[in-house]
């Protein structure tokens, strides 16, 4: 029903469906959703961001996607997060040249900047030092290249305040 609601003709129904998903995603705790379900939900939200013409519904879906991707990053699921962030940037670039869709490009770029915020970058630091599922330097560089300078600055600050000198 929520999936159908995201693509309903009535914008009020789309707003409610996207708000419901955002509220559910904000409550996500470990272990989270099964990987297949989360991936399907992220793809669904991506399609909704691409097709949505209502700013409020788009913002709710962006909030849901941010919560799901933040959860993925905190669990060390970088390939999924990286894939979605690349797709979001492609989506923003596709809408950037259209004067009537510039607001959508801005909203999607804002989502990527929020993903590069302090909490997500702070989640990366401990993962850099784990023995199992270790995050490689090339993965960090790839993620920072996509998320941009704000992410790199936050990561440097997090590393700078790390108390264990060997981990800095």
Protein backbone atom coordinates (compact mmCIF):
# COMPACT_ATOMS: atom_id res chain seq x y z
CA UNK A 1 0.00 0.00 0.00
CA UNK A 2 2.83 2.46 0.78
CA UNK A 3 4.53 1.68 -2.51
CA UNK A 4 1.33 2.40 -4.43
CA UNK A 5 0.80 5.54 -2.37
CA UNK A 6 4.15 6.99 -3.50
CA UNK A 7 2.96 6.97 -7.11
CA UNK A 8 -0.69 7.88 -6.56
CA UNK A 9 -2.11 10.72 -8.67
CA UNK A 10 -3.30 12.66 -5.60
CA UNK A 11 -0.37 14.61 -4.11
CA UNK A 12 -1.88 14.38 -0.62
CA UNK A 13 -1.69 10.58 -0.74
CA UNK A 14 1.91 10.77 -2.00
CA UNK A 15 2.78 13.12 0.87
CA UNK A 16 1.24 10.76 3.42
CA UNK A 17 2.99 7.72 1.97
CA UNK A 18 6.38 9.44 1.87
CA UNK A 19 5.90 10.83 5.39
CA UNK A 20 5.04 7.35 6.65
CA UNK A 21 8.22 5.93 5.11
CA UNK A 22 10.30 8.75 6.59
CA UNK A 23 8.86 8.12 10.05
CA UNK A 24 9.50 4.39 9.77
CA UNK A 25 13.06 4.90 8.49
CA UNK A 26 13.82 7.27 11.38
CA UNK A 27 12.89 4.49 13.83
CA UNK A 28 15.21 1.94 12.24
CA UNK A 29 17.44 0.21 14.75
CA UNK A 30 19.83 -2.73 14.55
CA UNK A 31 19.64 -5.18 12.97
CA UNK A 32 17.52 -3.09 10.61
CA UNK A 33 15.73 -4.37 7.57
CA UNK A 34 16.78 -7.49 5.71
CA UNK A 35 19.27 -6.50 3.00
CA UNK A 36 16.93 -7.29 0.09
CA UNK A 37 14.08 -5.30 1.62
CA UNK A 38 16.28 -2.29 2.35
CA UNK A 39 17.72 -2.35 -1.17
CA UNK A 40 14.22 -2.53 -2.68
CA UNK A 41 13.06 0.32 -0.47
CA UNK A 42 16.06 2.47 -1.46
CA UNK A 43 15.36 1.81 -5.14
CA UNK A 44 11.70 2.68 -4.60
CA UNK A 45 12.63 5.95 -2.89
CA UNK A 46 15.08 6.76 -5.68
CA UNK A 47 12.32 6.25 -8.27
CA UNK A 48 10.01 8.44 -6.20
CA UNK A 49 12.61 11.21 -5.99
CA UNK A 50 13.01 11.03 -9.75
CA UNK A 51 9.28 11.19 -10.52
CA UNK A 52 7.90 13.37 -7.73
CA UNK A 53 6.66 16.85 -8.62
CA UNK A 54 5.51 17.88 -5.15
CA UNK A 55 8.19 19.49 -3.00
CA UNK A 56 6.82 18.32 0.34
CA UNK A 57 6.50 14.68 -0.73
CA UNK A 58 10.01 14.85 -2.20
CA UNK A 59 11.42 16.18 1.08
CA UNK A 60 9.80 13.35 3.06
CA UNK A 61 11.24 10.76 0.69
CA UNK A 62 14.66 12.43 0.91
CA UNK A 63 14.44 12.20 4.71
CA UNK A 64 13.57 8.50 4.49
CA UNK A 65 16.47 7.86 2.13
CA UNK A 66 18.85 9.77 4.40
CA UNK A 67 17.81 7.68 7.40
CA UNK A 68 18.20 4.40 5.50
CA UNK A 69 21.58 5.35 4.06
CA UNK A 70 22.83 6.61 7.44
CA UNK A 71 21.82 3.28 8.91
CA UNK A 72 23.70 1.48 6.10
CA UNK A 73 26.81 3.56 6.73
CA UNK A 74 26.70 2.87 10.47
CA UNK A 75 26.53 -0.86 9.71
CA UNK A 76 29.45 -0.70 7.28
CA UNK A 77 27.36 -1.35 4.17
CA UNK A 78 29.35 0.98 1.96
CA UNK A 79 28.74 -0.58 -1.44
CA UNK A 80 24.98 -0.06 -1.11
CA UNK A 81 25.36 3.49 0.20
CA UNK A 82 27.95 4.33 -2.45
CA UNK A 83 25.72 2.99 -5.25
CA UNK A 84 22.75 5.04 -4.08
CA UNK A 85 24.77 8.24 -3.54
CA UNK A 86 26.17 7.96 -7.09
CA UNK A 87 22.66 7.45 -8.45
CA UNK A 88 21.42 10.46 -6.47
CA UNK A 89 24.17 12.66 -7.87
CA UNK A 90 23.33 11.48 -11.40
CA UNK A 91 19.69 12.30 -10.70
CA UNK A 92 20.56 15.77 -9.41
CA UNK A 93 22.74 16.44 -12.45
CA UNK A 94 19.93 15.34 -14.78
CA UNK A 95 17.57 17.90 -13.22
CA UNK A 96 20.12 20.68 -12.85
CA UNK A 97 19.82 22.06 -16.40
CA UNK A 98 16.02 22.32 -16.32
CA UNK A 99 14.83 25.65 -14.90
CA UNK A 100 11.55 24.17 -13.68
CA UNK A 101 13.32 21.27 -11.94
CA UNK A 102 16.22 23.16 -10.34
CA UNK A 103 14.47 22.90 -6.95
CA UNK A 104 14.57 19.11 -7.24
CA UNK A 105 18.29 19.11 -8.07
CA UNK A 106 18.92 21.33 -5.04
CA UNK A 107 16.87 19.05 -2.76
CA UNK A 108 18.78 15.96 -3.89
CA UNK A 109 22.17 17.69 -3.53
CA UNK A 110 21.11 18.80 -0.05
CA UNK A 111 20.37 15.15 0.78
CA UNK A 112 23.89 14.13 -0.28
CA UNK A 113 25.42 16.93 1.83
CA UNK A 114 23.40 15.82 4.87
CA UNK A 115 24.66 12.27 4.34
CA UNK A 116 28.18 13.66 4.58
CA UNK A 117 27.40 15.12 8.01
CA UNK A 118 29.28 14.64 11.27
CA UNK A 119 27.32 11.63 12.56
CA UNK A 120 27.88 9.55 9.43
CA UNK A 121 31.53 10.52 9.21
CA UNK A 122 31.96 9.74 12.92
CA UNK A 123 30.52 6.28 12.18
CA UNK A 124 33.29 5.71 9.62
CA UNK A 125 36.17 6.24 12.04
CA UNK A 126 35.71 3.08 14.16
CA UNK A 127 35.12 1.05 11.00
CA UNK A 128 38.54 2.08 9.73
CA UNK A 129 40.09 0.04 12.57
CA UNK A 130 37.97 -3.10 12.66
CA UNK A 131 39.73 -6.34 11.84
CA UNK A 132 36.74 -8.00 10.21
CA UNK A 133 34.97 -6.03 7.48
CA UNK A 134 37.78 -3.49 7.49
CA UNK A 135 37.12 -0.39 5.45
CA UNK A 136 39.91 0.09 2.94
CA UNK A 137 41.55 3.42 2.22
CA UNK A 138 40.34 3.24 -1.37
CA UNK A 139 36.74 2.83 -0.15
CA UNK A 140 37.13 5.89 2.07
CA UNK A 141 38.60 7.89 -0.81
CA UNK A 142 35.77 6.83 -3.12
CA UNK A 143 33.12 7.76 -0.58
CA UNK A 144 34.76 11.13 0.12
CA UNK A 145 35.10 11.85 -3.60
CA UNK A 146 31.37 11.39 -4.03
CA UNK A 147 30.30 13.18 -0.86
CA UNK A 148 32.70 16.07 -1.32
CA UNK A 149 34.66 18.44 0.86
CA UNK A 150 32.23 18.66 3.81
CA UNK A 151 32.55 14.90 4.35
CA UNK A 152 36.35 15.07 4.20
CA UNK A 153 36.42 17.92 6.72
CA UNK A 154 34.14 16.09 9.15
CA UNK A 155 36.19 12.93 8.84
CA UNK A 156 39.42 14.83 9.55
CA UNK A 157 37.83 16.41 12.64
CA UNK A 158 36.66 13.00 13.86
CA UNK A 159 40.12 11.56 13.38
CA UNK A 160 41.63 14.59 15.09
CA UNK A 161 39.63 14.10 18.26
CA UNK A 162 40.29 10.35 18.36
CA UNK A 163 41.90 9.72 21.76
CA UNK A 164 43.89 6.68 20.73
CA UNK A 165 46.97 8.00 18.90
CA UNK A 166 47.52 4.73 17.05
CA UNK A 167 44.06 5.01 15.56
CA UNK A 168 44.51 8.63 14.48
